[in-house]
Amino acid sequence: MTLTSSALPRTAAQRPATLDPAALTAREVFLADLIREAGAVARRAFAEASAPQVGMKGPQDFLTETDAAVEHLVRSRIQASFPDDSFLGEETGGSVADPCWVVDPIDGTANFARRIPHYCISIAYVAGGEIRLGAIYDPSHDELYAARQGRGATRNGVPLSVAQTARADAACLELGWSNRLPNAAYLEALTAMLNAGANVRRAATGALGLAYVADGRSDGYAELHMHPWDCLAGLLLVEEAGGRVCAYLEADGLNRGGAVLAAAPGLADLMSRATKVPLRAAPAQTGLPRTELRQTSSA
């Protein structure tokens, strides 16, 4: 997935075509350990706090002490291990200088605050103008979703594939809500999906919703506005699992956020029409089958 030049201001000559595989592998191993450590912090806090301290950043935008604690841990570990990498977090901000870690310490804070065990940590690593690594960890169920560009996606080490569902009347879709856009746009997309015959749900964690698409548990996820820390890891997971995704980064999503769509191939066009969110070109359109693309990837 390619980032816009405005997000990472480097010339074509400066931007490397590949990343040192050993450097990427070091970060991949580091990421798996880090996100589990962060998840353990969140899991302990969830178990111990009968009434967590909850603040409000805005309408339906919650913040707990655990969000801050997890982000502090993740940021400090990254700075200690890779001091030249930049950092962008939901709670403390940062920069998008290349390379960059993009972090959501708790996605699904509203669930977390209400004692609903459906939340996750989401971390993406961006280098050389592309999303190279993505990980989403569900502490409540000890499920680690991980993807490396060109190498596929896994859950706890088991390879993932998106669902093969192609009929709307057999589909289970998820539509996230955002108060950054008028409710009418959300209702229009919801109505289009329902009229097509799909079952539509909302579970209040977009990152985990995207992971479920990669895992075949859900046939598609859409939201009309998401921040990059909510979706970058999940978009990589879905694409690496064989799904279709939107052109989020091409639309300057890293800087401004934007609409998100990820779906099983058989339902992607339907969801794109319903939400009016454009899709990226499918990997098969490159002329190489997806398995060969993974084998020939240099990173």
C-alpha atoms as a PDB file:
ATOM      1  CA  MET A   1       0.000   0.000   0.000  1.00  0.00           C
ATOM      2  CA  THR A   2       1.583   3.257  -1.113  1.00  0.00           C
ATOM      3  CA  LEU A   3       1.597   6.468   0.876  1.00  0.00           C
ATOM      4  CA  THR A   4       1.132   9.846  -0.729  1.00  0.00           C
ATOM      5  CA  SER A   5       4.087  12.140  -1.263  1.00  0.00           C
ATOM      6  CA  SER A   6       2.475  14.711   1.022  1.00  0.00           C
ATOM      7  CA  ALA A   7       2.473  12.188   3.835  1.00  0.00           C
ATOM      8  CA  LEU A   8       6.092  11.215   3.361  1.00  0.00           C
ATOM      9  CA  PRO A   9       7.883  14.060   1.551  1.00  0.00           C
ATOM     10  CA  ARG A  10      10.593  12.173  -0.317  1.00  0.00           C
ATOM     11  CA  THR A  11      11.503  12.285  -3.991  1.00  0.00           C
ATOM     12  CA  ALA A  12      11.289   9.189  -6.176  1.00  0.00           C
ATOM     13  CA  ALA A  13      15.071   9.001  -6.195  1.00  0.00           C
ATOM     14  CA  GLN A  14      15.215   9.140  -2.402  1.00  0.00           C
ATOM     15  CA  ARG A  15      12.434   6.619  -1.805  1.00  0.00           C
ATOM     16  CA  PRO A  16      13.854   3.078  -1.645  1.00  0.00           C
ATOM     17  CA  ALA A  17      12.201   0.385  -3.764  1.00  0.00           C
ATOM     18  CA  THR A  18      12.879  -2.206  -1.090  1.00  0.00           C
ATOM     19  CA  LEU A  19      13.635  -2.311   2.606  1.00  0.00           C
ATOM     20  CA  ASP A  20      16.499  -4.323   4.025  1.00  0.00           C
ATOM     21  CA  PRO A  21      14.806  -7.675   4.778  1.00  0.00           C
ATOM     22  CA  ALA A  22      16.843  -8.163   7.942  1.00  0.00           C
ATOM     23  CA  ALA A  23      15.779  -4.758   9.278  1.00  0.00           C
ATOM     24  CA  LEU A  24      12.151  -5.526   8.521  1.00  0.00           C
ATOM     25  CA  THR A  25      12.382  -8.959  10.119  1.00  0.00           C
ATOM     26  CA  ALA A  26      13.833  -7.404  13.266  1.00  0.00           C
ATOM     27  CA  ARG A  27      10.849  -5.081  13.476  1.00  0.00           C
ATOM     28  CA  GLU A  28       8.422  -7.899  12.713  1.00  0.00           C
ATOM     29  CA  VAL A  29       9.711  -9.958  15.638  1.00  0.00           C
ATOM     30  CA  PHE A  30       9.792  -6.863  17.851  1.00  0.00           C
ATOM     31  CA  LEU A  31       6.206  -5.988  16.905  1.00  0.00           C
ATOM     32  CA  ALA A  32       4.846  -9.412  17.844  1.00  0.00           C
ATOM     33  CA  ASP A  33       6.444  -9.223  21.278  1.00  0.00           C
ATOM     34  CA  LEU A  34       5.509  -5.578  21.813  1.00  0.00           C
ATOM     35  CA  ILE A  35       1.837  -5.884  20.964  1.00  0.00           C
ATOM     36  CA  ARG A  36       1.438  -8.889  23.267  1.00  0.00           C
ATOM     37  CA  GLU A  37       3.122  -6.937  26.076  1.00  0.00           C
ATOM     38  CA  ALA A  38       0.784  -4.016  25.430  1.00  0.00           C
ATOM     39  CA  GLY A  39      -2.159  -6.392  25.372  1.00  0.00           C
ATOM     40  CA  ALA A  40      -1.188  -7.805  28.755  1.00  0.00           C
ATOM     41  CA  VAL A  41      -1.334  -4.289  30.225  1.00  0.00           C
ATOM     42  CA  ALA A  42      -4.795  -3.754  28.766  1.00  0.00           C
ATOM     43  CA  ARG A  43      -6.027  -7.171  29.878  1.00  0.00           C
ATOM     44  CA  ARG A  44      -4.897  -6.618  33.482  1.00  0.00           C
ATOM     45  CA  ALA A  45      -6.538  -3.208  33.582  1.00  0.00           C
ATOM     46  CA  PHE A  46      -9.764  -4.624  32.178  1.00  0.00           C
ATOM     47  CA  ALA A  47      -9.812  -7.386  34.792  1.00  0.00           C
ATOM     48  CA  GLU A  48      -8.897  -5.190  37.755  1.00  0.00           C
ATOM     49  CA  ALA A  49     -10.944  -2.038  37.203  1.00  0.00           C
ATOM     50  CA  SER A  50     -14.604  -2.502  38.066  1.00  0.00           C
ATOM     51  CA  ALA A  51     -15.225   1.163  37.257  1.00  0.00           C
ATOM     52  CA  PRO A  52     -12.445   2.561  35.024  1.00  0.00           C
ATOM     53  CA  GLN A  53     -11.797   6.289  34.909  1.00  0.00           C
ATOM     54  CA  VAL A  54     -13.359   7.445  31.643  1.00  0.00           C
ATOM     55  CA  GLY A  55     -12.878  10.840  30.017  1.00  0.00           C
ATOM     56  CA  MET A  56     -14.367  12.357  26.891  1.00  0.00           C
ATOM     57  CA  LYS A  57     -12.332  13.744  23.997  1.00  0.00           C
ATOM     58  CA  GLY A  58     -15.524  14.611  22.139  1.00  0.00           C
ATOM     59  CA  PRO A  59     -19.019  13.252  21.443  1.00  0.00           C
ATOM     60  CA  GLN A  60     -18.901   9.429  21.651  1.00  0.00           C
ATOM     61  CA  ASP A  61     -15.079   9.636  21.819  1.00  0.00           C
ATOM     62  CA  PHE A  62     -13.876   8.051  25.058  1.00  0.00           C
ATOM     63  CA  LEU A  63     -10.498   7.948  26.806  1.00  0.00           C
ATOM     64  CA  THR A  64      -9.387   5.763  29.713  1.00  0.00           C
ATOM     65  CA  GLU A  65      -6.211   5.654  31.757  1.00  0.00           C
ATOM     66  CA  THR A  66      -5.399   2.400  29.977  1.00  0.00           C
ATOM     67  CA  ASP A  67      -5.288   4.110  26.573  1.00  0.00           C
ATOM     68  CA  ALA A  68      -2.600   6.431  27.888  1.00  0.00           C
ATOM     69  CA  ALA A  69      -0.684   3.676  29.700  1.00  0.00           C
ATOM     70  CA  VAL A  70      -0.585   1.383  26.674  1.00  0.00           C
ATOM     71  CA  GLU A  71       0.476   4.139  24.300  1.00  0.00           C
ATOM     72  CA  HIS A  72       3.220   5.236  26.707  1.00  0.00           C
ATOM     73  CA  LEU A  73       4.527   1.678  26.857  1.00  0.00           C
ATOM     74  CA  VAL A  74       4.466   1.200  23.089  1.00  0.00           C
ATOM     75  CA  ARG A  75       6.067   4.554  22.378  1.00  0.00           C
ATOM     76  CA  SER A  76       8.843   4.065  24.931  1.00  0.00           C
ATOM     77  CA  ARG A  77       9.660   0.570  23.643  1.00  0.00           C
ATOM     78  CA  ILE A  78       9.837   1.766  20.046  1.00  0.00           C
ATOM     79  CA  GLN A  79      11.987   4.771  20.908  1.00  0.00           C
ATOM     80  CA  ALA A  80      14.375   2.573  22.878  1.00  0.00           C
ATOM     81  CA  SER A  81      14.707  -0.089  20.182  1.00  0.00           C
ATOM     82  CA  PHE A  82      14.466   2.016  17.005  1.00  0.00           C
ATOM     83  CA  PRO A  83      15.280   5.613  17.945  1.00  0.00           C
ATOM     84  CA  ASP A  84      15.429   6.775  14.320  1.00  0.00           C
ATOM     85  CA  ASP A  85      11.863   5.637  13.579  1.00  0.00           C
ATOM     86  CA  SER A  86       9.052   8.160  13.969  1.00  0.00           C
ATOM     87  CA  PHE A  87       5.823   7.565  15.876  1.00  0.00           C
ATOM     88  CA  LEU A  88       2.176   8.551  15.420  1.00  0.00           C
ATOM     89  CA  GLY A  89      -0.248   7.594  18.185  1.00  0.00           C
ATOM     90  CA  GLU A  90      -3.920   8.288  18.747  1.00  0.00           C
ATOM     91  CA  GLU A  91      -3.423   9.819  22.188  1.00  0.00           C
ATOM     92  CA  THR A  92      -0.064  11.612  21.953  1.00  0.00           C
ATOM     93  CA  GLY A  93       0.206  12.367  18.247  1.00  0.00           C
ATOM     94  CA  GLY A  94       3.643  12.528  16.664  1.00  0.00           C
ATOM     95  CA  SER A  95       4.927  12.749  13.110  1.00  0.00           C
ATOM     96  CA  VAL A  96       4.721  10.720   9.912  1.00  0.00           C
ATOM     97  CA  ALA A  97       8.367  11.036   8.921  1.00  0.00           C
ATOM     98  CA  ASP A  98       9.604   7.899   7.179  1.00  0.00           C
ATOM     99  CA  PRO A  99       9.803   5.269   8.671  1.00  0.00           C
ATOM    100  CA  CYS A 100       6.851   5.500  11.032  1.00  0.00           C
ATOM    101  CA  TRP A 101       4.947   3.391  13.545  1.00  0.00           C
ATOM    102  CA  VAL A 102       1.197   4.163  13.645  1.00  0.00           C
ATOM    103  CA  VAL A 103      -0.493   3.087  16.887  1.00  0.00           C
ATOM    104  CA  ASP A 104      -3.958   2.808  18.391  1.00  0.00           C
ATOM    105  CA  PRO A 105      -3.416   1.771  22.031  1.00  0.00           C
ATOM    106  CA  ILE A 106      -7.033   0.693  22.568  1.00  0.00           C
ATOM    107  CA  ASP A 107      -9.423   0.458  19.650  1.00  0.00           C
ATOM    108  CA  GLY A 108     -12.898  -0.056  21.024  1.00  0.00           C
ATOM    109  CA  THR A 109     -12.461   2.165  24.075  1.00  0.00           C
ATOM    110  CA  ALA A 110     -16.234   2.504  24.458  1.00  0.00           C
ATOM    111  CA  ASN A 111     -16.477  -1.287  24.771  1.00  0.00           C
ATOM    112  CA  PHE A 112     -13.531  -1.363  27.176  1.00  0.00           C
ATOM    113  CA  ALA A 113     -15.062   1.343  29.368  1.00  0.00           C
ATOM    114  CA  ARG A 114     -18.395  -0.494  29.530  1.00  0.00           C
ATOM    115  CA  ARG A 115     -16.771  -3.818  30.453  1.00  0.00           C
ATOM    116  CA  ILE A 116     -17.408  -5.419  27.053  1.00  0.00           C
ATOM    117  CA  PRO A 117     -14.445  -7.698  26.177  1.00  0.00           C
ATOM    118  CA  HIS A 118     -14.270  -6.655  22.535  1.00  0.00           C
ATOM    119  CA  TYR A 119     -11.342  -4.285  22.001  1.00  0.00           C
ATOM    120  CA  CYS A 120      -7.820  -4.492  20.600  1.00  0.00           C
ATOM    121  CA  ILE A 121      -4.424  -2.880  20.093  1.00  0.00           C
ATOM    122  CA  SER A 122      -3.511  -1.956  16.509  1.00  0.00           C
ATOM    123  CA  ILE A 123       0.003  -1.157  15.245  1.00  0.00           C
ATOM    124  CA  ALA A 124       1.233  -0.569  11.687  1.00  0.00           C
ATOM    125  CA  TYR A 125       4.781   0.028  10.455  1.00  0.00           C
ATOM    126  CA  VAL A 126       5.300   2.244   7.409  1.00  0.00           C
ATOM    127  CA  ALA A 127       8.636   2.443   5.571  1.00  0.00           C
ATOM    128  CA  GLY A 128       9.752   3.453   2.105  1.00  0.00           C
ATOM    129  CA  GLY A 129       6.323   4.826   1.319  1.00  0.00           C
ATOM    130  CA  GLU A 130       4.481   1.558   1.993  1.00  0.00           C
ATOM    131  CA  ILE A 131       2.782  -0.260   4.855  1.00  0.00           C
ATOM    132  CA  ARG A 132       5.236  -3.049   5.603  1.00  0.00           C
ATOM    133  CA  LEU A 133       3.857  -4.577   8.803  1.00  0.00           C
ATOM    134  CA  GLY A 134       0.531  -4.662  10.588  1.00  0.00           C
ATOM    135  CA  ALA A 135      -0.581  -6.297  13.824  1.00  0.00           C
ATOM    136  CA  ILE A 136      -3.857  -6.333  15.743  1.00  0.00           C
ATOM    137  CA  TYR A 137      -4.065  -8.059  19.119  1.00  0.00           C
ATOM    138  CA  ASP A 138      -7.281  -9.037  20.900  1.00  0.00           C
ATOM    139  CA  PRO A 139      -6.272  -9.478  24.571  1.00  0.00           C
ATOM    140  CA  SER A 140      -9.614 -10.941  25.643  1.00  0.00           C
ATOM    141  CA  HIS A 141      -9.251 -13.937  23.328  1.00  0.00           C
ATOM    142  CA  ASP A 142      -5.445 -14.003  22.980  1.00  0.00           C
ATOM    143  CA  GLU A 143      -5.670 -13.629  19.205  1.00  0.00           C
ATOM    144  CA  LEU A 144      -2.778 -11.983  17.397  1.00  0.00           C
ATOM    145  CA  TYR A 145      -3.420 -10.982  13.798  1.00  0.00           C
ATOM    146  CA  ALA A 146      -0.241 -10.182  11.893  1.00  0.00           C
ATOM    147  CA  ALA A 147       0.691  -9.319   8.312  1.00  0.00           C
ATOM    148  CA  ARG A 148       3.906  -8.598   6.489  1.00  0.00           C
ATOM    149  CA  GLN A 149       3.757  -7.035   3.054  1.00  0.00           C
ATOM    150  CA  GLY A 150       3.916  -9.743   0.412  1.00  0.00           C
ATOM    151  CA  ARG A 151       3.985 -12.581   2.943  1.00  0.00           C
ATOM    152  CA  GLY A 152       0.303 -13.035   3.771  1.00  0.00           C
ATOM    153  CA  ALA A 153      -1.645 -12.672   7.007  1.00  0.00           C
ATOM    154  CA  THR A 154      -1.972 -14.937  10.045  1.00  0.00           C
ATOM    155  CA  ARG A 155      -3.904 -15.392  13.273  1.00  0.00           C
ATOM    156  CA  ASN A 156      -1.664 -16.868  15.982  1.00  0.00           C
ATOM    157  CA  GLY A 157       0.597 -18.133  13.210  1.00  0.00           C
ATOM    158  CA  VAL A 158      -2.142 -19.783  11.129  1.00  0.00           C
ATOM    159  CA  PRO A 159      -2.494 -18.389   7.565  1.00  0.00           C
ATOM    160  CA  LEU A 160      -5.679 -16.441   6.862  1.00  0.00           C
ATOM    161  CA  SER A 161      -7.937 -16.167   3.826  1.00  0.00           C
ATOM    162  CA  VAL A 162     -10.956 -13.944   3.376  1.00  0.00           C
ATOM    163  CA  ALA A 163     -14.406 -15.479   2.950  1.00  0.00           C
ATOM    164  CA  GLN A 164     -15.602 -16.716  -0.426  1.00  0.00           C
ATOM    165  CA  THR A 165     -19.085 -15.264   0.038  1.00  0.00           C
ATOM    166  CA  ALA A 166     -20.409 -13.777  -3.196  1.00  0.00           C
ATOM    167  CA  ARG A 167     -24.150 -13.394  -2.536  1.00  0.00           C
ATOM    168  CA  ALA A 168     -25.452 -10.356  -0.694  1.00  0.00           C
ATOM    169  CA  ASP A 169     -28.283 -12.355   0.860  1.00  0.00           C
ATOM    170  CA  ALA A 170     -25.686 -14.648   2.449  1.00  0.00           C
ATOM    171  CA  ALA A 171     -23.352 -11.858   3.545  1.00  0.00           C
ATOM    172  CA  CYS A 172     -22.546 -10.602   7.026  1.00  0.00           C
ATOM    173  CA  LEU A 173     -21.155  -7.072   6.771  1.00  0.00           C
ATOM    174  CA  GLU A 174     -20.092  -4.473   9.319  1.00  0.00           C
ATOM    175  CA  LEU A 175     -20.636  -0.746   8.973  1.00  0.00           C
ATOM    176  CA  GLY A 176     -18.840   1.494  11.432  1.00  0.00           C
ATOM    177  CA  TRP A 177     -20.281   4.867  12.421  1.00  0.00           C
ATOM    178  CA  SER A 178     -18.406   8.158  12.576  1.00  0.00           C
ATOM    179  CA  ASN A 179     -19.662  11.480  13.885  1.00  0.00           C
ATOM    180  CA  ARG A 180     -17.291  13.249  11.487  1.00  0.00           C
ATOM    181  CA  LEU A 181     -19.880  12.914   8.723  1.00  0.00           C
ATOM    182  CA  PRO A 182     -23.644  13.547   8.620  1.00  0.00           C
ATOM    183  CA  ASN A 183     -25.786  10.671   9.849  1.00  0.00           C
ATOM    184  CA  ALA A 184     -27.584  10.727   6.504  1.00  0.00           C
ATOM    185  CA  ALA A 185     -24.497   9.354   4.739  1.00  0.00           C
ATOM    186  CA  TYR A 186     -24.278   6.466   7.208  1.00  0.00           C
ATOM    187  CA  LEU A 187     -27.977   5.712   6.896  1.00  0.00           C
ATOM    188  CA  GLU A 188     -27.770   5.800   3.101  1.00  0.00           C
ATOM    189  CA  ALA A 189     -24.964   3.221   3.085  1.00  0.00           C
ATOM    190  CA  LEU A 190     -26.754   1.089   5.672  1.00  0.00           C
ATOM    191  CA  THR A 191     -29.993   1.158   3.695  1.00  0.00           C
ATOM    192  CA  ALA A 192     -28.222   0.144   0.483  1.00  0.00           C
ATOM    193  CA  MET A 193     -26.627  -2.862   2.187  1.00  0.00           C
ATOM    194  CA  LEU A 194     -29.883  -3.928   3.828  1.00  0.00           C
ATOM    195  CA  ASN A 195     -31.814  -3.531   0.578  1.00  0.00           C
ATOM    196  CA  ALA A 196     -29.273  -5.808  -1.112  1.00  0.00           C
ATOM    197  CA  GLY A 197     -30.158  -8.483   1.435  1.00  0.00           C
ATOM    198  CA  ALA A 198     -27.065  -8.348   3.648  1.00  0.00           C
ATOM    199  CA  ASN A 199     -26.969  -8.750   7.412  1.00  0.00           C
ATOM    200  CA  VAL A 200     -25.312  -5.606   8.815  1.00  0.00           C
ATOM    201  CA  ARG A 201     -23.840  -5.268  12.297  1.00  0.00           C
ATOM    202  CA  ARG A 202     -21.696  -2.840  14.301  1.00  0.00           C
ATOM    203  CA  ALA A 203     -19.332  -4.014  17.047  1.00  0.00           C
ATOM    204  CA  ALA A 204     -17.592  -0.692  17.907  1.00  0.00           C
ATOM    205  CA  THR A 205     -13.993  -1.573  17.075  1.00  0.00           C
ATOM    206  CA  GLY A 206     -13.045  -0.917  13.476  1.00  0.00           C
ATOM    207  CA  ALA A 207      -9.573  -2.424  13.735  1.00  0.00           C
ATOM    208  CA  LEU A 208     -10.917  -5.745  14.984  1.00  0.00           C
ATOM    209  CA  GLY A 209     -13.695  -5.533  12.406  1.00  0.00           C
ATOM    210  CA  LEU A 210     -11.048  -5.390   9.678  1.00  0.00           C
ATOM    211  CA  ALA A 211      -9.164  -8.297  11.237  1.00  0.00           C
ATOM    212  CA  TYR A 212     -12.377 -10.326  11.144  1.00  0.00           C
ATOM    213  CA  VAL A 213     -12.679  -9.675   7.404  1.00  0.00           C
ATOM    214  CA  ALA A 214      -9.139 -11.000   6.917  1.00  0.00           C
ATOM    215  CA  ASP A 215     -10.094 -14.038   9.001  1.00  0.00           C
ATOM    216  CA  GLY A 216     -13.279 -14.771   7.046  1.00  0.00           C
ATOM    217  CA  ARG A 217     -15.434 -14.181  10.126  1.00  0.00           C
ATOM    218  CA  SER A 218     -16.997 -11.187   8.425  1.00  0.00           C
ATOM    219  CA  ASP A 219     -17.484 -10.580   4.706  1.00  0.00           C
ATOM    220  CA  GLY A 220     -16.756  -6.869   4.687  1.00  0.00           C
ATOM    221  CA  TYR A 221     -16.139  -3.768   6.773  1.00  0.00           C
ATOM    222  CA  ALA A 222     -16.813  -0.146   5.857  1.00  0.00           C
ATOM    223  CA  GLU A 223     -16.661   3.162   7.688  1.00  0.00           C
ATOM    224  CA  LEU A 224     -17.033   6.572   6.114  1.00  0.00           C
ATOM    225  CA  HIS A 225     -14.196   8.096   8.152  1.00  0.00           C
ATOM    226  CA  MET A 226     -11.363   6.462  10.087  1.00  0.00           C
ATOM    227  CA  HIS A 227      -8.057   7.727  11.414  1.00  0.00           C
ATOM    228  CA  PRO A 228      -4.923   5.949  10.186  1.00  0.00           C
ATOM    229  CA  TRP A 229      -4.188   4.362  13.566  1.00  0.00           C
ATOM    230  CA  ASP A 230      -7.604   2.697  13.424  1.00  0.00           C
ATOM    231  CA  CYS A 231      -7.240   1.094  10.009  1.00  0.00           C
ATOM    232  CA  LEU A 232      -3.738   0.789   8.517  1.00  0.00           C
ATOM    233  CA  ALA A 233      -2.882  -2.545  10.117  1.00  0.00           C
ATOM    234  CA  GLY A 234      -6.315  -3.937   9.282  1.00  0.00           C
ATOM    235  CA  LEU A 235      -6.203  -2.866   5.648  1.00  0.00           C
ATOM    236  CA  LEU A 236      -2.871  -4.643   5.211  1.00  0.00           C
ATOM    237  CA  LEU A 237      -4.278  -7.753   6.886  1.00  0.00           C
ATOM    238  CA  VAL A 238      -7.258  -7.887   4.537  1.00  0.00           C
ATOM    239  CA  GLU A 239      -5.226  -7.319   1.398  1.00  0.00           C
ATOM    240  CA  GLU A 240      -2.660  -9.923   2.412  1.00  0.00           C
ATOM    241  CA  ALA A 241      -5.495 -12.385   3.122  1.00  0.00           C
ATOM    242  CA  GLY A 242      -6.748 -11.969  -0.442  1.00  0.00           C
ATOM    243  CA  GLY A 243      -9.415  -9.310   0.061  1.00  0.00           C
ATOM    244  CA  ARG A 244     -10.127  -6.031  -1.694  1.00  0.00           C
ATOM    245  CA  VAL A 245      -9.497  -2.692   0.015  1.00  0.00           C
ATOM    246  CA  CYS A 246     -10.049   0.991  -0.627  1.00  0.00           C
ATOM    247  CA  ALA A 247      -7.511   3.533  -1.843  1.00  0.00           C
ATOM    248  CA  TYR A 248      -7.106   4.984   1.660  1.00  0.00           C
ATOM    249  CA  LEU A 249      -3.517   6.149   1.462  1.00  0.00           C
ATOM    250  CA  GLU A 250      -3.796   7.377  -2.098  1.00  0.00           C
ATOM    251  CA  ALA A 251      -6.501   9.728  -0.786  1.00  0.00           C
ATOM    252  CA  ASP A 252      -4.065  11.161   1.814  1.00  0.00           C
ATOM    253  CA  GLY A 253      -5.562   9.125   4.626  1.00  0.00           C
ATOM    254  CA  LEU A 254      -2.348   9.149   6.652  1.00  0.00           C
ATOM    255  CA  ASN A 255      -2.602  12.911   7.064  1.00  0.00           C
ATOM    256  CA  ARG A 256      -6.345  13.511   7.026  1.00  0.00           C
ATOM    257  CA  GLY A 257      -8.075  10.213   7.688  1.00  0.00           C
ATOM    258  CA  GLY A 258     -10.721   9.033   5.283  1.00  0.00           C
ATOM    259  CA  ALA A 259     -13.246   6.443   4.218  1.00  0.00           C
ATOM    260  CA  VAL A 260     -12.413   2.762   4.696  1.00  0.00           C
ATOM    261  CA  LEU A 261     -13.659  -0.291   2.839  1.00  0.00           C
ATOM    262  CA  ALA A 262     -12.352  -3.862   2.995  1.00  0.00           C
ATOM    263  CA  ALA A 263     -14.214  -6.892   1.727  1.00  0.00           C
ATOM    264  CA  ALA A 264     -14.172 -10.383   0.330  1.00  0.00           C
ATOM    265  CA  PRO A 265     -13.682 -10.122  -3.454  1.00  0.00           C
ATOM    266  CA  GLY A 266     -17.180 -11.374  -4.217  1.00  0.00           C
ATOM    267  CA  LEU A 267     -18.809  -8.527  -2.258  1.00  0.00           C
ATOM    268  CA  ALA A 268     -16.335  -5.686  -2.728  1.00  0.00           C
ATOM    269  CA  ASP A 269     -18.091  -4.055  -5.675  1.00  0.00           C
ATOM    270  CA  LEU A 270     -21.451  -4.188  -3.904  1.00  0.00           C
ATOM    271  CA  MET A 271     -20.001  -2.524  -0.807  1.00  0.00           C
ATOM    272  CA  SER A 272     -18.204   0.064  -2.914  1.00  0.00           C
ATOM    273  CA  ARG A 273     -21.480   1.027  -4.588  1.00  0.00           C
ATOM    274  CA  ALA A 274     -23.336   1.116  -1.272  1.00  0.00           C
ATOM    275  CA  THR A 275     -20.767   3.309   0.470  1.00  0.00           C
ATOM    276  CA  LYS A 276     -19.456   5.241  -2.564  1.00  0.00           C
ATOM    277  CA  VAL A 277     -15.923   4.352  -1.439  1.00  0.00           C
ATOM    278  CA  PRO A 278     -13.573   3.536  -4.362  1.00  0.00           C
ATOM    279  CA  LEU A 279     -11.542   0.325  -4.382  1.00  0.00           C
ATOM    280  CA  ARG A 280      -7.867  -0.096  -5.130  1.00  0.00           C
ATOM    281  CA  ALA A 281      -6.964  -2.236  -8.125  1.00  0.00           C
ATOM    282  CA  ALA A 282      -7.091  -5.929  -7.271  1.00  0.00           C
ATOM    283  CA  PRO A 283      -3.664  -7.634  -6.955  1.00  0.00           C
ATOM    284  CA  ALA A 284      -4.628 -10.075  -9.730  1.00  0.00           C
ATOM    285  CA  GLN A 285      -4.692  -7.156 -12.163  1.00  0.00           C
ATOM    286  CA  THR A 286      -0.899  -7.008 -11.997  1.00  0.00           C
ATOM    287  CA  GLY A 287      -0.759 -10.172 -14.081  1.00  0.00           C
ATOM    288  CA  LEU A 288       0.656 -12.339 -11.290  1.00  0.00           C
ATOM    289  CA  PRO A 289      -1.365 -14.653  -9.058  1.00  0.00           C
ATOM    290  CA  ARG A 290      -1.339 -13.601  -5.420  1.00  0.00           C
ATOM    291  CA  THR A 291       0.768 -16.565  -4.283  1.00  0.00           C
ATOM    292  CA  GLU A 292       3.432 -15.684  -6.828  1.00  0.00           C
ATOM    293  CA  LEU A 293       3.351 -12.064  -5.755  1.00  0.00           C
ATOM    294  CA  ARG A 294       4.151 -13.177  -2.203  1.00  0.00           C
ATOM    295  CA  GLN A 295       6.966 -15.453  -3.335  1.00  0.00           C
ATOM    296  CA  THR A 296       8.592 -12.777  -5.477  1.00  0.00           C
ATOM    297  CA  SER A 297       8.316 -10.020  -2.870  1.00  0.00           C
ATOM    298  CA  SER A 298      11.737  -8.689  -1.924  1.00  0.00           C
ATOM    299  CA  ALA A 299      10.613  -7.569   1.502  1.00  0.00           C
END
